[in-house]
């Protein structure tokens, strides 16, 4: 499985957007797969931010089973990233979320020559090692400043994933 998530709309209030959504997905995956491990690699937020989100979820009635302790890892550093060594970074994990993908593109995200090798590397890892990798990416801005429904950057982003979906946040419902 190889997918990308695009985030649509205005910047929501804290603990209501893509980070919480991906955390909830990882918790659900680990709850249903008790012998698996997950990695949340979030380059926009710190590990402490992720841990605070877990507490926010718990305080809002989301069940976070104790058995996921030790199976959910968080990484917030992308310095010294090497695309060729990606397989090593993910070897112990079955489910990997990368948020956002743009931090791993060496060059302009509108340039297919910069984007395609990154996407192909993730495809290779998924195919050969049967891993779930979710790439979180932002949507392009539409004419009114909200999401356009299309991934920002090169079409290589959306053309080379197996599944692409968008999430949106509205102030009315307060959640995703």
N, C-alpha and C. Protein backbone atom coordinates (compact mmCIF):
# COMPACT_ATOMS: atom_id res chain seq x y z
N UNK A 1 0.84 -1.18 0.00
CA UNK A 1 0.00 0.00 0.00
C UNK A 1 0.88 1.23 0.00
N UNK A 2 0.56 2.16 -0.81
CA UNK A 2 1.33 3.39 -0.91
C UNK A 2 0.34 4.49 -1.18
N UNK A 3 0.24 5.45 -0.30
CA UNK A 3 -0.77 6.47 -0.48
C UNK A 3 -0.27 7.85 -0.13
N UNK A 4 -1.01 8.82 -0.54
CA UNK A 4 -0.70 10.21 -0.23
C UNK A 4 -1.96 10.88 0.29
N UNK A 5 -1.78 11.74 1.21
CA UNK A 5 -2.89 12.51 1.74
C UNK A 5 -2.63 13.96 1.44
N UNK A 6 -3.64 14.65 0.93
CA UNK A 6 -3.53 16.08 0.70
C UNK A 6 -4.39 16.79 1.72
N UNK A 7 -3.92 17.88 2.20
CA UNK A 7 -4.66 18.62 3.22
C UNK A 7 -5.30 19.83 2.58
N UNK A 8 -6.58 19.97 2.75
CA UNK A 8 -7.35 21.02 2.09
C UNK A 8 -7.87 22.03 3.12
N UNK A 9 -7.99 23.23 2.69
CA UNK A 9 -8.66 24.23 3.50
C UNK A 9 -7.72 25.10 4.30
N UNK A 10 -8.33 25.92 5.12
CA UNK A 10 -7.57 26.84 5.95
C UNK A 10 -6.87 26.08 7.07
N UNK A 11 -5.85 26.71 7.60
CA UNK A 11 -5.15 26.12 8.73
C UNK A 11 -6.13 26.02 9.89
N UNK A 12 -6.34 24.82 10.37
CA UNK A 12 -7.28 24.60 11.46
C UNK A 12 -6.65 24.88 12.81
N UNK A 13 -7.46 24.86 13.84
CA UNK A 13 -6.91 25.04 15.17
C UNK A 13 -6.08 23.81 15.53
N UNK A 14 -5.22 23.95 16.49
CA UNK A 14 -4.35 22.86 16.88
C UNK A 14 -5.12 21.60 17.23
N UNK A 15 -4.48 20.47 16.98
CA UNK A 15 -5.04 19.15 17.33
C UNK A 15 -6.32 18.84 16.57
N UNK A 16 -6.47 19.38 15.37
CA UNK A 16 -7.67 19.08 14.60
C UNK A 16 -7.36 18.77 13.14
N UNK A 17 -6.11 18.68 12.79
CA UNK A 17 -5.77 18.54 11.38
C UNK A 17 -5.08 17.24 11.02
N UNK A 18 -4.15 17.36 10.09
CA UNK A 18 -3.49 16.19 9.52
C UNK A 18 -2.69 15.40 10.53
N UNK A 19 -2.04 16.08 11.48
CA UNK A 19 -1.25 15.38 12.49
C UNK A 19 -2.10 14.47 13.35
N UNK A 20 -3.23 14.99 13.82
CA UNK A 20 -4.16 14.19 14.62
C UNK A 20 -4.75 13.07 13.77
N UNK A 21 -5.09 13.37 12.53
CA UNK A 21 -5.65 12.37 11.64
C UNK A 21 -4.69 11.20 11.44
N UNK A 22 -3.44 11.52 11.19
CA UNK A 22 -2.44 10.46 10.97
C UNK A 22 -2.15 9.69 12.26
N UNK A 23 -2.16 10.38 13.38
CA UNK A 23 -1.97 9.71 14.66
C UNK A 23 -3.12 8.75 14.94
N UNK A 24 -4.33 9.20 14.69
CA UNK A 24 -5.50 8.32 14.88
C UNK A 24 -5.42 7.10 13.97
N UNK A 25 -4.99 7.31 12.73
CA UNK A 25 -4.86 6.18 11.80
C UNK A 25 -3.83 5.17 12.30
N UNK A 26 -2.70 5.67 12.81
CA UNK A 26 -1.65 4.78 13.32
C UNK A 26 -2.15 4.00 14.53
N UNK A 27 -2.86 4.68 15.43
CA UNK A 27 -3.40 4.00 16.62
C UNK A 27 -4.39 2.93 16.21
N UNK A 28 -5.25 3.25 15.25
CA UNK A 28 -6.22 2.25 14.76
C UNK A 28 -5.50 1.05 14.15
N UNK A 29 -4.49 1.32 13.32
CA UNK A 29 -3.73 0.24 12.70
C UNK A 29 -3.10 -0.66 13.77
N UNK A 30 -2.47 -0.06 14.77
CA UNK A 30 -1.81 -0.84 15.82
C UNK A 30 -2.82 -1.59 16.68
N UNK A 31 -3.99 -1.00 16.89
CA UNK A 31 -5.03 -1.68 17.67
C UNK A 31 -5.53 -2.93 16.96
N UNK A 32 -5.58 -2.87 15.64
CA UNK A 32 -6.07 -4.00 14.85
C UNK A 32 -4.98 -5.00 14.48
N UNK A 33 -3.72 -4.62 14.63
CA UNK A 33 -2.58 -5.46 14.23
C UNK A 33 -1.59 -5.51 15.40
N UNK A 34 -1.87 -6.38 16.34
CA UNK A 34 -1.13 -6.38 17.61
C UNK A 34 0.32 -6.84 17.51
N UNK A 35 0.72 -7.36 16.36
CA UNK A 35 2.11 -7.78 16.19
C UNK A 35 2.89 -6.83 15.28
N UNK A 36 2.32 -5.68 14.96
CA UNK A 36 2.94 -4.72 14.03
C UNK A 36 3.48 -3.51 14.77
N UNK A 37 4.33 -2.74 14.05
CA UNK A 37 4.91 -1.51 14.58
C UNK A 37 4.67 -0.37 13.60
N UNK A 38 4.55 0.83 14.14
CA UNK A 38 4.30 2.01 13.30
C UNK A 38 5.30 3.11 13.63
N UNK A 39 5.60 3.91 12.61
CA UNK A 39 6.48 5.06 12.74
C UNK A 39 5.75 6.30 12.22
N UNK A 40 5.70 7.34 13.04
CA UNK A 40 5.21 8.64 12.60
C UNK A 40 6.44 9.52 12.45
N UNK A 41 6.77 9.87 11.23
CA UNK A 41 7.93 10.73 10.96
C UNK A 41 7.39 12.08 10.58
N UNK A 42 7.32 12.97 11.58
CA UNK A 42 6.72 14.27 11.39
C UNK A 42 7.79 15.34 11.46
N UNK A 43 8.03 16.00 10.35
CA UNK A 43 9.12 16.98 10.26
C UNK A 43 8.67 18.40 10.55
N UNK A 44 7.38 18.60 10.74
CA UNK A 44 6.88 19.93 11.07
C UNK A 44 6.66 20.10 12.57
N UNK A 45 6.53 19.00 13.29
CA UNK A 45 6.26 19.04 14.71
C UNK A 45 7.30 18.23 15.47
N UNK A 46 7.41 18.48 16.75
CA UNK A 46 8.38 17.75 17.56
C UNK A 46 7.74 16.49 18.13
N UNK A 47 8.59 15.62 18.65
CA UNK A 47 8.09 14.42 19.32
C UNK A 47 7.18 14.81 20.49
N UNK A 48 7.53 15.87 21.20
CA UNK A 48 6.69 16.34 22.30
C UNK A 48 5.30 16.74 21.81
N UNK A 49 5.23 17.37 20.63
CA UNK A 49 3.93 17.73 20.05
C UNK A 49 3.08 16.48 19.82
N UNK A 50 3.70 15.43 19.31
CA UNK A 50 2.97 14.18 19.05
C UNK A 50 2.46 13.58 20.35
N UNK A 51 3.30 13.57 21.37
CA UNK A 51 2.89 13.03 22.67
C UNK A 51 1.74 13.86 23.27
N UNK A 52 1.78 15.17 23.08
CA UNK A 52 0.67 16.02 23.53
C UNK A 52 -0.62 15.65 22.78
N UNK A 53 -0.49 15.37 21.51
CA UNK A 53 -1.67 14.97 20.72
C UNK A 53 -2.26 13.66 21.22
N UNK A 54 -1.41 12.74 21.61
CA UNK A 54 -1.92 11.49 22.17
C UNK A 54 -2.75 11.79 23.42
N UNK A 55 -2.26 12.66 24.27
CA UNK A 55 -3.01 13.04 25.47
C UNK A 55 -4.30 13.76 25.13
N UNK A 56 -4.28 14.60 24.12
CA UNK A 56 -5.50 15.28 23.67
C UNK A 56 -6.53 14.25 23.22
N UNK A 57 -6.09 13.26 22.44
CA UNK A 57 -7.00 12.22 22.00
C UNK A 57 -7.60 11.48 23.20
N UNK A 58 -6.75 11.10 24.14
CA UNK A 58 -7.24 10.40 25.33
C UNK A 58 -8.26 11.25 26.09
N UNK A 59 -7.95 12.54 26.24
CA UNK A 59 -8.85 13.44 26.98
C UNK A 59 -10.16 13.68 26.25
N UNK A 60 -10.20 13.39 24.95
CA UNK A 60 -11.42 13.55 24.17
C UNK A 60 -12.11 12.22 23.89
N UNK A 61 -11.79 11.22 24.69
CA UNK A 61 -12.51 9.96 24.62
C UNK A 61 -12.01 8.95 23.60
N UNK A 62 -10.89 9.22 22.95
CA UNK A 62 -10.36 8.26 22.00
C UNK A 62 -9.59 7.19 22.77
N UNK A 63 -9.91 5.95 22.51
CA UNK A 63 -9.25 4.84 23.18
C UNK A 63 -7.85 4.64 22.59
N UNK A 64 -6.85 4.76 23.45
CA UNK A 64 -5.46 4.53 23.05
C UNK A 64 -4.99 3.33 23.88
N UNK A 65 -5.09 2.13 23.32
CA UNK A 65 -4.78 0.93 24.09
C UNK A 65 -3.34 0.89 24.60
N UNK A 66 -3.18 0.36 25.79
CA UNK A 66 -1.84 0.24 26.37
C UNK A 66 -0.92 -0.64 25.55
N UNK A 67 -1.50 -1.61 24.83
CA UNK A 67 -0.65 -2.54 24.09
C UNK A 67 0.06 -1.89 22.90
N UNK A 68 -0.26 -0.63 22.57
CA UNK A 68 0.50 0.02 21.49
C UNK A 68 1.81 0.62 22.01
N UNK A 69 1.95 0.73 23.35
CA UNK A 69 3.20 1.24 23.91
C UNK A 69 4.37 0.39 23.42
N UNK A 70 5.41 1.05 22.96
CA UNK A 70 6.57 0.35 22.43
C UNK A 70 6.44 -0.04 20.97
N UNK A 71 5.24 0.11 20.40
CA UNK A 71 5.04 -0.23 18.99
C UNK A 71 4.78 0.99 18.13
N UNK A 72 4.62 2.15 18.77
CA UNK A 72 4.43 3.40 18.04
C UNK A 72 5.64 4.28 18.30
N UNK A 73 6.40 4.53 17.26
CA UNK A 73 7.60 5.37 17.38
C UNK A 73 7.37 6.69 16.66
N UNK A 74 8.05 7.72 17.15
CA UNK A 74 7.92 9.05 16.58
C UNK A 74 9.32 9.57 16.27
N UNK A 75 9.46 10.14 15.10
CA UNK A 75 10.71 10.75 14.66
C UNK A 75 10.40 12.15 14.17
N UNK A 76 11.24 13.12 14.55
CA UNK A 76 10.97 14.50 14.11
C UNK A 76 12.17 15.16 13.45
N UNK A 77 13.18 14.40 13.12
CA UNK A 77 14.40 14.95 12.55
C UNK A 77 14.55 14.48 11.10
N UNK A 78 14.86 15.38 10.22
CA UNK A 78 15.08 14.99 8.83
C UNK A 78 16.45 15.41 8.33
N UNK A 79 17.30 15.91 9.21
CA UNK A 79 18.64 16.30 8.80
C UNK A 79 19.43 15.05 8.43
N UNK A 80 20.32 15.20 7.49
CA UNK A 80 21.16 14.11 7.01
C UNK A 80 20.34 12.97 6.39
N UNK A 81 19.21 13.31 5.85
CA UNK A 81 18.36 12.33 5.17
C UNK A 81 19.05 11.83 3.91
N UNK A 82 19.05 10.54 3.70
CA UNK A 82 19.64 9.93 2.52
C UNK A 82 18.62 9.01 1.89
N UNK A 83 18.17 9.35 0.72
CA UNK A 83 17.13 8.59 0.03
C UNK A 83 17.53 7.13 -0.16
N UNK A 84 18.78 6.88 -0.46
CA UNK A 84 19.24 5.51 -0.70
C UNK A 84 19.21 4.66 0.56
N UNK A 85 19.25 5.28 1.73
CA UNK A 85 19.23 4.54 2.98
C UNK A 85 17.84 4.44 3.60
N UNK A 86 16.82 4.86 2.86
CA UNK A 86 15.47 4.87 3.38
C UNK A 86 15.03 3.51 3.90
N UNK A 87 15.39 2.48 3.22
CA UNK A 87 15.02 1.12 3.61
C UNK A 87 15.48 0.81 5.03
N UNK A 88 16.67 1.29 5.38
CA UNK A 88 17.23 1.07 6.72
C UNK A 88 16.39 1.78 7.78
N UNK A 89 15.95 3.01 7.48
CA UNK A 89 15.15 3.78 8.43
C UNK A 89 13.82 3.10 8.76
N UNK A 90 13.27 2.37 7.81
CA UNK A 90 11.94 1.79 7.97
C UNK A 90 11.94 0.30 8.26
N UNK A 91 13.10 -0.30 8.40
CA UNK A 91 13.18 -1.77 8.46
C UNK A 91 12.37 -2.38 9.59
N UNK A 92 12.22 -1.71 10.71
CA UNK A 92 11.52 -2.28 11.86
C UNK A 92 10.04 -1.94 11.90
N UNK A 93 9.54 -1.25 10.88
CA UNK A 93 8.17 -0.77 10.92
C UNK A 93 7.35 -1.34 9.77
N UNK A 94 6.07 -1.57 10.06
CA UNK A 94 5.12 -2.08 9.06
C UNK A 94 4.28 -0.96 8.47
N UNK A 95 4.13 0.10 9.24
CA UNK A 95 3.25 1.22 8.89
C UNK A 95 4.06 2.49 9.13
N UNK A 96 4.24 3.30 8.09
CA UNK A 96 5.06 4.50 8.18
C UNK A 96 4.27 5.69 7.64
N UNK A 97 4.25 6.77 8.42
CA UNK A 97 3.63 8.02 7.98
C UNK A 97 4.73 9.06 7.87
N UNK A 98 4.83 9.71 6.73
CA UNK A 98 5.82 10.77 6.51
C UNK A 98 5.05 12.07 6.32
N UNK A 99 5.33 13.04 7.18
CA UNK A 99 4.56 14.27 7.20
C UNK A 99 5.49 15.47 7.40
N UNK A 100 5.60 16.34 6.41
CA UNK A 100 5.11 16.27 5.04
C UNK A 100 6.21 15.75 4.10
N UNK A 101 5.77 15.25 2.99
CA UNK A 101 6.68 14.73 1.98
C UNK A 101 7.64 15.80 1.45
N UNK A 102 7.20 17.03 1.37
CA UNK A 102 7.99 18.09 0.76
C UNK A 102 9.37 18.26 1.40
N UNK A 103 9.51 17.89 2.68
CA UNK A 103 10.81 18.01 3.35
C UNK A 103 11.85 17.04 2.78
N UNK A 104 11.40 16.00 2.10
CA UNK A 104 12.32 14.98 1.59
C UNK A 104 12.65 15.15 0.11
N UNK A 105 12.07 16.14 -0.51
CA UNK A 105 12.33 16.39 -1.92
C UNK A 105 13.53 17.32 -2.04
N UNK A 106 14.55 16.86 -2.71
CA UNK A 106 15.76 17.66 -2.89
C UNK A 106 15.62 18.50 -4.16
N UNK A 107 15.02 19.65 -4.02
CA UNK A 107 14.78 20.51 -5.17
C UNK A 107 13.36 21.04 -5.11
N UNK A 108 12.93 21.59 -6.21
CA UNK A 108 11.62 22.20 -6.33
C UNK A 108 10.55 21.13 -6.46
N UNK A 109 9.50 21.20 -5.66
CA UNK A 109 8.46 20.17 -5.71
C UNK A 109 7.62 20.24 -7.00
N UNK A 110 7.80 21.28 -7.80
CA UNK A 110 7.15 21.34 -9.11
C UNK A 110 7.96 20.63 -10.18
N UNK A 111 9.16 20.23 -9.86
CA UNK A 111 10.07 19.61 -10.82
C UNK A 111 9.97 18.08 -10.73
N UNK A 112 9.44 17.46 -11.77
CA UNK A 112 9.27 16.01 -11.78
C UNK A 112 10.59 15.28 -11.58
N UNK A 113 11.69 15.84 -12.07
CA UNK A 113 13.00 15.20 -11.91
C UNK A 113 13.44 15.15 -10.45
N UNK A 114 12.96 16.07 -9.64
CA UNK A 114 13.28 16.07 -8.20
C UNK A 114 12.30 15.19 -7.43
N UNK A 115 11.06 15.13 -7.87
CA UNK A 115 10.01 14.41 -7.14
C UNK A 115 10.02 12.91 -7.44
N UNK A 116 10.16 12.56 -8.70
CA UNK A 116 9.99 11.17 -9.12
C UNK A 116 10.93 10.18 -8.41
N UNK A 117 12.23 10.48 -8.22
CA UNK A 117 13.09 9.52 -7.52
C UNK A 117 12.65 9.25 -6.08
N UNK A 118 12.11 10.26 -5.42
CA UNK A 118 11.63 10.07 -4.05
C UNK A 118 10.43 9.14 -4.05
N UNK A 119 9.48 9.41 -4.92
CA UNK A 119 8.28 8.58 -5.00
C UNK A 119 8.64 7.16 -5.40
N UNK A 120 9.51 7.00 -6.36
CA UNK A 120 9.92 5.67 -6.81
C UNK A 120 10.60 4.88 -5.70
N UNK A 121 11.37 5.56 -4.86
CA UNK A 121 12.04 4.87 -3.74
C UNK A 121 11.00 4.32 -2.77
N UNK A 122 10.00 5.12 -2.46
CA UNK A 122 8.95 4.65 -1.57
C UNK A 122 8.16 3.50 -2.20
N UNK A 123 7.88 3.60 -3.50
CA UNK A 123 7.20 2.51 -4.20
C UNK A 123 8.00 1.21 -4.09
N UNK A 124 9.29 1.30 -4.29
CA UNK A 124 10.17 0.14 -4.23
C UNK A 124 10.13 -0.51 -2.83
N UNK A 125 10.22 0.31 -1.80
CA UNK A 125 10.19 -0.21 -0.44
C UNK A 125 8.85 -0.90 -0.16
N UNK A 126 7.75 -0.26 -0.55
CA UNK A 126 6.43 -0.85 -0.35
C UNK A 126 6.29 -2.18 -1.06
N UNK A 127 6.70 -2.21 -2.29
CA UNK A 127 6.56 -3.40 -3.11
C UNK A 127 7.42 -4.56 -2.61
N UNK A 128 8.67 -4.29 -2.34
CA UNK A 128 9.60 -5.35 -1.96
C UNK A 128 9.44 -5.80 -0.52
N UNK A 129 9.02 -4.90 0.36
CA UNK A 129 8.98 -5.24 1.78
C UNK A 129 7.57 -5.26 2.36
N UNK A 130 6.58 -5.07 1.51
CA UNK A 130 5.17 -5.13 1.93
C UNK A 130 4.88 -4.21 3.12
N UNK A 131 5.30 -2.97 3.01
CA UNK A 131 5.07 -1.97 4.05
C UNK A 131 3.95 -1.03 3.62
N UNK A 132 3.29 -0.46 4.59
CA UNK A 132 2.32 0.60 4.36
C UNK A 132 3.06 1.90 4.57
N UNK A 133 3.10 2.75 3.56
CA UNK A 133 3.73 4.06 3.68
C UNK A 133 2.72 5.11 3.24
N UNK A 134 2.45 6.04 4.14
CA UNK A 134 1.53 7.13 3.84
C UNK A 134 2.34 8.41 3.78
N UNK A 135 2.25 9.08 2.66
CA UNK A 135 2.93 10.35 2.46
C UNK A 135 1.91 11.47 2.61
N UNK A 136 2.17 12.38 3.51
CA UNK A 136 1.26 13.50 3.72
C UNK A 136 1.83 14.68 2.93
N UNK A 137 0.97 15.30 2.16
CA UNK A 137 1.39 16.41 1.32
C UNK A 137 0.29 17.45 1.35
N UNK A 138 0.63 18.67 1.05
CA UNK A 138 -0.34 19.76 1.06
C UNK A 138 -0.95 19.95 -0.33
N UNK A 139 -2.17 20.46 -0.33
CA UNK A 139 -2.83 20.79 -1.58
C UNK A 139 -2.39 22.15 -2.07
N UNK A 140 -2.50 22.33 -3.37
CA UNK A 140 -2.28 23.65 -3.95
C UNK A 140 -3.41 24.57 -3.51
N UNK A 141 -3.11 25.82 -3.44
CA UNK A 141 -4.15 26.79 -3.07
C UNK A 141 -5.06 27.05 -4.27
N UNK A 142 -6.32 27.15 -3.97
CA UNK A 142 -7.30 27.49 -4.99
C UNK A 142 -7.41 29.00 -5.13
N UNK A 143 -8.28 29.46 -6.01
CA UNK A 143 -8.39 30.90 -6.27
C UNK A 143 -8.83 31.71 -5.05
N UNK A 144 -9.56 31.11 -4.13
CA UNK A 144 -10.03 31.85 -2.95
C UNK A 144 -9.16 31.60 -1.73
N UNK A 145 -7.98 30.98 -1.91
CA UNK A 145 -7.06 30.75 -0.80
C UNK A 145 -7.26 29.45 -0.06
N UNK A 146 -8.30 28.71 -0.40
CA UNK A 146 -8.51 27.40 0.22
C UNK A 146 -7.93 26.32 -0.68
N UNK A 147 -8.03 25.09 -0.25
CA UNK A 147 -7.49 23.99 -1.03
C UNK A 147 -8.15 23.85 -2.38
N UNK A 148 -7.37 23.38 -3.34
CA UNK A 148 -7.87 23.25 -4.71
C UNK A 148 -8.36 21.86 -5.03
N UNK A 149 -8.06 20.89 -4.14
CA UNK A 149 -8.40 19.50 -4.45
C UNK A 149 -7.31 18.81 -5.23
N UNK A 150 -6.23 19.51 -5.52
CA UNK A 150 -5.11 18.93 -6.26
C UNK A 150 -3.83 19.05 -5.44
N UNK A 151 -2.99 18.03 -5.55
CA UNK A 151 -1.72 18.06 -4.83
C UNK A 151 -0.86 19.21 -5.32
N UNK A 152 -0.16 19.82 -4.40
CA UNK A 152 0.78 20.89 -4.75
C UNK A 152 1.98 20.25 -5.43
N UNK A 153 2.52 20.91 -6.43
CA UNK A 153 3.75 20.45 -7.06
C UNK A 153 3.54 19.58 -8.29
N UNK A 154 4.57 18.83 -8.63
CA UNK A 154 4.60 18.01 -9.83
C UNK A 154 3.50 16.95 -9.84
N UNK A 155 2.99 16.67 -11.02
CA UNK A 155 1.99 15.60 -11.15
C UNK A 155 2.59 14.25 -10.82
N UNK A 156 3.91 14.13 -10.74
CA UNK A 156 4.56 12.88 -10.34
C UNK A 156 4.13 12.46 -8.95
N UNK A 157 3.72 13.42 -8.13
CA UNK A 157 3.25 13.10 -6.79
C UNK A 157 1.99 12.26 -6.83
N UNK A 158 0.99 12.71 -7.56
CA UNK A 158 -0.28 11.99 -7.58
C UNK A 158 -0.31 10.87 -8.63
N UNK A 159 0.48 10.99 -9.67
CA UNK A 159 0.49 9.97 -10.72
C UNK A 159 1.12 8.66 -10.29
N UNK A 160 1.93 8.69 -9.24
CA UNK A 160 2.71 7.50 -8.89
C UNK A 160 2.39 6.92 -7.53
N UNK A 161 1.22 7.23 -6.98
CA UNK A 161 0.79 6.61 -5.74
C UNK A 161 -0.41 5.72 -6.03
N UNK A 162 -0.68 4.78 -5.17
CA UNK A 162 -1.79 3.86 -5.39
C UNK A 162 -3.13 4.44 -4.99
N UNK A 163 -3.09 5.31 -3.99
CA UNK A 163 -4.32 5.91 -3.48
C UNK A 163 -4.02 7.32 -3.03
N UNK A 164 -4.90 8.22 -3.35
CA UNK A 164 -4.73 9.60 -2.93
C UNK A 164 -6.07 10.08 -2.40
N UNK A 165 -6.06 10.71 -1.26
CA UNK A 165 -7.30 11.26 -0.73
C UNK A 165 -7.03 12.57 -0.02
N UNK A 166 -8.08 13.32 0.17
CA UNK A 166 -7.99 14.62 0.83
C UNK A 166 -8.76 14.59 2.13
N UNK A 167 -8.31 15.38 3.07
CA UNK A 167 -9.09 15.60 4.28
C UNK A 167 -9.33 17.09 4.37
N UNK A 168 -10.38 17.46 5.02
CA UNK A 168 -10.65 18.87 5.21
C UNK A 168 -11.15 19.11 6.62
N UNK A 169 -11.01 20.31 7.06
CA UNK A 169 -11.42 20.70 8.40
C UNK A 169 -12.37 21.87 8.27
N UNK A 170 -13.45 21.79 9.00
CA UNK A 170 -14.35 22.94 9.06
C UNK A 170 -14.50 23.33 10.52
N UNK A 171 -14.64 24.58 10.77
CA UNK A 171 -14.81 25.06 12.14
C UNK A 171 -16.14 24.59 12.73
N UNK A 172 -17.10 24.25 11.88
CA UNK A 172 -18.42 23.85 12.35
C UNK A 172 -18.38 22.56 13.17
N UNK A 173 -17.66 21.56 12.66
CA UNK A 173 -17.69 20.28 13.36
C UNK A 173 -16.49 20.09 14.29
N UNK A 174 -15.44 20.87 14.13
CA UNK A 174 -14.31 20.81 15.05
C UNK A 174 -13.47 19.57 14.95
N UNK A 175 -13.74 18.73 13.99
CA UNK A 175 -12.93 17.52 13.88
C UNK A 175 -12.85 17.09 12.43
N UNK A 176 -12.05 16.08 12.20
CA UNK A 176 -11.87 15.57 10.86
C UNK A 176 -12.60 14.27 10.72
